[in-house]
Protein backbone atom coordinates (compact mmCIF):
# COMPACT_ATOMS: atom_id res chain seq x y z
CA MET A 1 0.00 0.00 0.00
CA LYS A 2 1.34 3.41 -1.00
CA LYS A 3 1.83 5.89 1.86
CA ILE A 4 1.31 9.54 0.89
CA LEU A 5 1.45 12.76 2.90
CA LEU A 6 -0.11 16.05 1.81
CA ILE A 7 1.15 19.21 3.53
CA GLN A 8 -1.12 22.27 3.65
CA THR A 9 -0.73 24.31 6.84
CA ALA A 10 -2.05 27.61 5.44
CA PHE A 11 -5.57 28.95 5.93
CA ILE A 12 -9.09 27.52 5.75
CA GLY A 13 -9.63 28.08 2.04
CA ASP A 14 -6.27 26.53 1.17
CA VAL A 15 -7.12 23.36 3.10
CA ILE A 16 -10.51 23.13 1.41
CA LEU A 17 -8.88 23.43 -2.02
CA ALA A 18 -6.35 20.77 -0.99
CA THR A 19 -9.23 18.29 -0.72
CA SER A 20 -9.23 18.28 -4.52
CA MET A 21 -5.88 16.47 -4.22
CA VAL A 22 -7.43 14.05 -1.73
CA GLU A 23 -10.25 13.24 -4.17
CA THR A 24 -7.89 12.93 -7.14
CA ILE A 25 -5.41 10.71 -5.29
CA HIS A 26 -8.21 8.45 -4.03
CA ALA A 27 -9.55 8.13 -7.57
CA GLN A 28 -6.03 7.15 -8.69
CA TYR A 29 -5.29 4.51 -6.04
CA GLY A 30 -8.60 3.57 -4.42
CA ASN A 31 -8.03 1.47 -1.30
CA ASP A 32 -4.37 0.90 -2.20
CA VAL A 33 -3.27 4.16 -0.59
CA SER A 34 -2.86 5.35 2.99
CA LEU A 35 -3.28 9.11 2.74
CA ASP A 36 -2.40 11.53 5.56
CA ILE A 37 -2.64 15.31 5.58
CA LEU A 38 -0.83 17.89 7.72
CA VAL A 39 -2.79 21.04 8.62
CA ARG A 40 -2.42 23.88 11.09
CA LYS A 41 -4.29 23.67 14.39
CA GLY A 42 -7.82 25.01 13.97
CA ASN A 43 -8.39 23.59 10.50
CA GLU A 44 -8.56 19.91 11.44
CA GLY A 45 -12.33 20.16 12.02
CA LEU A 46 -12.84 20.53 8.27
CA LEU A 47 -11.64 16.96 7.80
CA LYS A 48 -13.34 15.23 10.72
CA ASP A 49 -14.20 11.62 9.83
CA HIS A 50 -13.12 12.15 6.24
CA PRO A 51 -13.64 8.82 4.44
CA TYR A 52 -10.45 8.99 2.34
CA LEU A 53 -7.97 10.13 4.98
CA ASN A 54 -6.02 7.78 7.20
CA GLU A 55 -4.90 10.53 9.58
CA VAL A 56 -5.15 14.29 9.97
CA ILE A 57 -1.89 15.50 11.52
CA VAL A 58 -2.05 18.85 13.32
CA TRP A 59 0.72 21.43 13.69
CA ASN A 60 0.18 23.87 16.56
CA LYS A 61 1.86 26.99 15.18
CA LYS A 62 0.76 29.30 18.01
CA GLU A 63 2.21 27.44 20.99
CA GLY A 64 5.74 26.09 20.79
CA LYS A 65 5.80 26.54 17.02
CA TYR A 66 9.37 25.33 16.39
CA LYS A 67 9.38 22.72 19.12
CA ASN A 68 6.26 21.24 17.53
CA LEU A 69 7.81 21.57 14.08
CA TRP A 70 10.80 19.40 15.03
CA ALA A 71 8.50 16.87 16.69
CA LEU A 72 6.52 16.69 13.45
CA SER A 73 9.73 16.26 11.47
CA ARG A 74 10.73 13.27 13.58
CA ARG A 75 7.27 11.76 13.24
CA ILE A 76 7.20 12.21 9.45
CA LYS A 77 10.68 10.69 9.03
CA LYS A 78 9.65 7.70 11.14
CA THR A 79 6.61 7.03 8.93
CA ARG A 80 8.75 6.69 5.79
CA TYR A 81 6.21 7.97 3.29
CA ASP A 82 6.45 6.90 -0.32
CA VAL A 83 5.52 10.41 -1.47
CA VAL A 84 5.25 13.79 0.23
CA TYR A 85 3.37 16.49 -1.68
CA ASN A 86 3.96 19.97 -0.26
CA LEU A 87 1.26 22.39 -1.44
CA GLN A 88 2.88 25.39 0.23
CA ARG A 89 5.74 27.71 -0.55
CA PHE A 90 6.82 28.51 3.02
CA ALA A 91 10.21 27.61 4.47
CA SER A 92 8.96 25.59 7.46
CA THR A 93 6.98 23.13 5.33
CA GLY A 94 9.81 22.98 2.81
CA LEU A 95 12.13 21.88 5.58
CA LEU A 96 9.65 19.23 6.72
CA THR A 97 9.48 17.94 3.16
CA GLY A 98 13.21 18.01 2.56
CA LEU A 99 13.97 16.14 5.79
CA SER A 100 11.05 13.69 5.46
CA LYS A 101 13.11 10.76 4.12
CA ALA A 102 10.23 10.08 1.73
CA LYS A 103 11.09 8.15 -1.42
CA LEU A 104 9.71 11.05 -3.45
CA LYS A 105 9.52 14.66 -2.29
CA ILE A 106 7.49 17.00 -4.51
CA GLY A 107 6.65 20.69 -4.05
CA PHE A 108 6.75 24.14 -5.63
CA LYS A 109 9.84 25.99 -6.80
CA GLY A 110 8.90 29.06 -4.79
CA ASN A 111 9.68 27.22 -1.56
CA PRO A 112 13.03 28.34 -0.05
CA PHE A 113 13.94 24.66 0.51
CA SER A 114 12.85 23.43 -2.92
CA LYS A 115 16.43 22.29 -3.65
CA LEU A 116 15.82 19.50 -1.14
CA PHE A 117 12.87 18.20 -3.21
CA ASP A 118 13.13 15.53 -5.88
CA PHE A 119 10.84 17.60 -8.09
CA ALA A 120 10.01 21.30 -7.83
CA ILE A 121 7.15 22.59 -9.99
CA VAL A 122 6.48 26.20 -10.95
CA HIS A 123 3.43 27.66 -9.17
CA ASP A 124 2.29 30.25 -11.69
CA ILE A 125 -0.44 32.56 -10.42
CA GLY A 126 -0.47 34.34 -13.79
CA SER A 127 -1.21 31.18 -15.77
CA GLY A 128 -4.98 31.57 -15.50
CA LYS A 129 -5.27 28.08 -14.04
CA HIS A 130 -7.32 27.41 -10.94
CA GLU A 131 -5.42 26.62 -7.73
CA ILE A 132 -6.70 23.03 -7.77
CA GLU A 133 -5.06 22.60 -11.21
CA ARG A 134 -1.80 24.14 -10.00
CA ASN A 135 -1.79 21.75 -7.04
CA ALA A 136 -2.60 18.77 -9.27
CA ALA A 137 0.49 19.55 -11.36
CA LEU A 138 2.51 18.11 -8.45
CA LEU A 139 0.93 14.70 -9.09
CA LYS A 140 2.27 14.68 -12.63
CA ALA A 141 5.83 14.77 -11.31
CA ASP A 142 5.38 11.16 -10.14
CA ASP A 143 5.65 9.15 -13.36
CA SER A 144 3.89 6.21 -11.69
CA VAL A 145 0.67 8.25 -11.66
CA ALA A 146 -1.64 7.45 -14.59
CA GLU A 147 -3.52 10.08 -16.56
CA PHE A 148 -6.15 11.64 -14.33
CA GLU A 149 -9.00 14.11 -14.12
CA VAL A 150 -8.60 16.92 -11.59
CA LEU A 151 -11.55 16.43 -9.25
CA PRO A 152 -13.20 19.34 -7.39
CA PRO A 153 -12.67 19.89 -3.67
CA LYS A 154 -15.09 18.04 -1.43
CA LEU A 155 -16.01 18.09 2.25
CA TYR A 156 -18.00 15.44 4.09
CA PRO A 157 -20.27 16.87 6.82
CA THR A 158 -20.73 14.27 9.54
CA PRO A 159 -24.15 12.84 10.46
CA ALA A 160 -24.09 14.87 13.69
CA THR A 161 -23.33 18.02 11.71
CA THR A 162 -26.14 17.38 9.25
CA LYS A 163 -28.55 16.65 12.10
CA LYS A 164 -27.74 19.98 13.79
CA VAL A 165 -28.27 21.90 10.55
CA ASN A 166 -31.54 20.08 9.88
CA GLU A 167 -32.76 21.14 13.31
CA ILE A 168 -31.81 24.76 12.63
CA VAL A 169 -33.60 24.98 9.30
CA ALA A 170 -36.57 22.75 10.17
CA GLU A 171 -39.80 24.14 8.70
CA LYS A 172 -37.97 27.18 7.29
CA GLY A 173 -38.61 26.12 3.71
CA SER A 174 -36.35 27.89 1.23
CA PHE A 175 -33.51 29.95 2.62
CA LEU A 176 -30.41 31.87 1.58
CA VAL A 177 -26.99 32.10 3.21
CA MET A 178 -24.84 35.23 3.19
CA ALA A 179 -21.25 35.49 4.41
CA PRO A 180 -20.53 39.25 4.49
CA ALA A 181 -17.30 39.26 6.52
CA SER A 182 -13.71 38.76 5.44
CA VAL A 183 -10.37 39.02 7.20
CA TRP A 184 -9.38 41.60 4.58
CA PHE A 185 -11.41 44.80 4.12
CA THR A 186 -10.76 45.04 0.38
CA LYS A 187 -11.97 41.48 -0.21
CA GLN A 188 -15.27 42.33 1.43
CA LEU A 189 -18.30 43.66 -0.42
CA PRO A 190 -19.11 46.94 1.39
CA ARG A 191 -21.48 46.75 4.34
CA GLU A 192 -23.98 48.99 2.55
CA LYS A 193 -24.09 46.58 -0.37
CA TRP A 194 -24.97 43.63 1.88
CA ILE A 195 -27.83 45.65 3.37
CA GLU A 196 -28.98 46.51 -0.14
CA LEU A 197 -28.78 42.85 -1.16
CA ILE A 198 -30.96 41.81 1.79
CA ARG A 199 -33.53 44.49 0.97
CA MET A 200 -33.65 43.31 -2.65
CA GLN A 201 -35.01 39.89 -1.59
CA LYS A 202 -38.71 40.14 -2.44
CA ASN A 203 -39.61 36.55 -1.62
CA ASN A 204 -40.14 34.95 1.76
CA HIS A 205 -36.66 33.46 2.12
CA THR A 206 -35.07 33.25 5.54
CA ILE A 207 -31.53 34.67 5.29
CA TYR A 208 -28.79 33.20 7.49
CA LEU A 209 -25.75 35.39 8.04
CA ILE A 210 -22.72 33.23 8.84
CA GLY A 211 -19.31 34.17 10.21
CA ALA A 212 -16.81 33.73 13.00
CA PRO A 213 -17.52 34.78 16.61
CA SER A 214 -15.53 37.95 15.92
CA ASP A 215 -18.03 38.87 13.16
CA GLN A 216 -20.99 39.02 15.57
CA GLU A 217 -21.17 42.81 15.87
CA PHE A 218 -20.57 43.40 12.16
CA LEU A 219 -23.31 40.98 11.11
CA GLN A 220 -25.71 42.29 13.75
CA GLY A 221 -25.27 45.80 12.35
CA ILE A 222 -26.13 44.59 8.85
CA MET A 223 -29.13 42.69 10.18
CA ASP A 224 -30.44 45.65 12.21
CA GLU A 225 -30.01 48.22 9.44
CA SER A 226 -31.64 45.98 6.85
CA LYS A 227 -34.83 46.10 8.98
CA SER A 228 -35.70 42.63 7.75
CA ASN A 229 -37.41 40.20 10.10
CA LYS A 230 -36.24 37.30 7.94
CA VAL A 231 -32.53 37.65 8.78
CA VAL A 232 -30.86 35.38 11.36
CA ASN A 233 -27.40 36.22 12.72
CA MET A 234 -25.49 32.92 13.01
CA ALA A 235 -22.04 34.38 13.73
CA GLY A 236 -20.05 31.96 15.89
CA GLN A 237 -22.86 29.42 16.11
CA LEU A 238 -21.58 26.99 13.48
CA ASN A 239 -18.24 25.28 13.02
CA LEU A 240 -16.75 24.93 9.54
CA LEU A 241 -18.40 21.62 8.64
CA GLU A 242 -21.74 22.86 9.99
CA SER A 243 -21.41 25.97 7.84
CA ALA A 244 -20.72 23.72 4.84
CA ALA A 245 -23.81 21.63 5.63
CA LEU A 246 -25.95 24.78 5.90
CA ILE A 247 -24.61 26.09 2.58
CA ALA A 248 -25.34 22.71 0.98
CA ARG A 249 -29.02 23.06 1.94
CA ALA A 250 -29.41 26.71 0.87
CA ASP A 251 -31.16 27.85 -2.30
CA ARG A 252 -28.12 30.09 -2.83
CA THR A 253 -25.14 31.41 -0.91
CA PHE A 254 -23.60 34.88 -1.36
CA VAL A 255 -19.91 35.19 -0.48
CA ASN A 256 -16.78 37.29 -0.81
CA ASP A 257 -13.48 35.99 -2.15
CA SER A 258 -12.88 34.18 1.13
CA ALA A 259 -13.29 30.83 2.90
CA PRO A 260 -17.11 30.49 2.56
CA LEU A 261 -16.65 30.63 -1.23
CA HIS A 262 -14.57 27.45 -0.99
CA LEU A 263 -17.04 25.86 1.44
CA ALA A 264 -19.69 26.29 -1.25
CA SER A 265 -17.40 24.74 -3.87
CA ALA A 266 -16.70 21.78 -1.60
CA VAL A 267 -20.40 20.90 -1.30
CA ASN A 268 -21.19 21.93 -4.91
CA ALA A 269 -23.74 24.50 -3.73
CA PRO A 270 -25.24 27.33 -5.81
CA VAL A 271 -23.10 30.37 -5.08
CA THR A 272 -22.70 34.02 -6.04
CA ALA A 273 -19.20 35.33 -5.33
CA PHE A 274 -18.25 39.02 -5.10
CA PHE A 275 -14.71 39.92 -6.16
CA CYS A 276 -13.58 43.39 -5.13
CA SER A 277 -9.82 44.07 -4.99
CA THR A 278 -8.88 40.56 -6.14
CA VAL A 279 -9.77 38.93 -9.47
CA PRO A 280 -10.96 35.43 -10.43
CA SER A 281 -7.99 34.98 -12.78
CA PHE A 282 -5.78 34.52 -9.71
CA GLY A 283 -7.29 31.02 -9.65
CA PHE A 284 -9.35 31.03 -6.46
CA GLY A 285 -12.85 31.36 -7.90
CA PRO A 286 -15.81 29.07 -7.21
CA VAL A 287 -15.96 25.66 -8.90
CA SER A 288 -19.59 24.82 -8.08
CA SER A 289 -21.62 23.74 -11.10
CA ASP A 290 -23.91 26.74 -10.42
CA ALA A 291 -21.53 29.63 -9.77
CA VAL A 292 -21.92 33.32 -10.56
CA ILE A 293 -19.07 35.81 -10.23
CA VAL A 294 -19.91 39.48 -9.69
CA GLU A 295 -17.30 42.23 -10.02
CA VAL A 296 -17.11 45.87 -11.01
CA LYS A 297 -17.69 46.32 -14.75
CA GLU A 298 -15.61 49.48 -15.04
CA LYS A 299 -11.94 48.86 -15.78
CA LEU A 300 -10.01 50.23 -12.81
CA ASN A 301 -6.28 50.82 -13.31
CA CYS A 302 -5.71 50.01 -9.62
CA ARG A 303 -7.39 46.59 -9.73
CA PRO A 304 -6.19 44.10 -8.71
CA CYS A 305 -4.09 45.80 -6.05
CA GLY A 306 -2.45 42.57 -4.88
CA LEU A 307 -2.84 38.83 -4.59
CA HIS A 308 -4.29 39.19 -1.10
CA GLY A 309 -6.56 41.82 0.37
CA HIS A 310 -5.69 44.96 2.32
CA LYS A 311 -6.93 46.39 5.62
CA LYS A 312 -8.03 49.49 3.70
CA CYS A 313 -8.18 50.62 0.09
CA PRO A 314 -4.69 51.85 -0.94
CA LYS A 315 -6.33 54.57 -3.06
CA GLY A 316 -8.89 55.58 -0.44
CA HIS A 317 -11.99 55.22 -2.67
CA PHE A 318 -12.65 51.42 -2.76
CA ASP A 319 -14.34 51.73 -6.15
CA CYS A 320 -13.88 47.99 -6.78
CA GLY A 321 -16.43 47.43 -4.01
CA TYR A 322 -18.72 50.42 -4.11
CA LYS A 323 -19.15 50.38 -7.89
CA ILE A 324 -20.45 46.81 -8.00
CA ASP A 325 -24.01 46.99 -9.34
CA LEU A 326 -26.25 44.54 -7.48
CA ASN A 327 -29.04 45.11 -9.98
CA LYS A 328 -26.97 43.15 -12.49
CA ILE A 329 -27.17 39.95 -10.42
């Protein structure tokens, strides 16, 4: 049986997109593979009881970061993996890969320790390819891998998760989900636009606002100003898999270029994604079969202003957010 390790210790969305590799590897080997994945502490809940994973290994980066890193290195070396695929371009994971003693070590050239890999592949943001395709390029470096189709990311809400969501939405009929918050201000459709979007709903849909506990006040402000009695503030009430299960049941989910977008992709849910300072051509757009992308129609010479978002608009006007026309949805 082939032993494979995937390394993805970045953020929520990155781990969700990494599940495309899990699906693709499982389709390649079936039950003849023992597949582990390494994630940062806090993201392991996404993969709870995943049917295709042997083990979810957790790196606590906040407490004893380097002590835990060396412990992980010893553990990985002891396992003697056949292949380690490193989906990141950070030094710490490059070192783990290089010292893994795996028969085959594969990662991206942008990693500072890529010289320790057997194969280092270019990760080209400007190629127009989706991130799941860029990750899948690592598989092609192993010439024992047959031709394959890149499968979409997929999460598997547990029965307990599904039961909780069913209890929440019982007798609600049709409903929408909105995820207005983002870690980055310039990735976030303006607050006023979310209020406008809620007011545009002429049907009897319940609208669930989802977010982290830290988004409670922000979402409550949107809910209060919308003056809609159909809005429910769910900030902090659902974990990641529960949020995915809720999105899977929704008539439609509205998201920014952030983690909930990828949750929708991973349950193949109808989704409308707003792109403000970032652009879909970076390769992080939705892959649901029913996906709509909304962005400003006017060509702005300042957009995109970076691969990631900013805490405030560098130009001070945030036209890439405010000039999005919701009437075009």
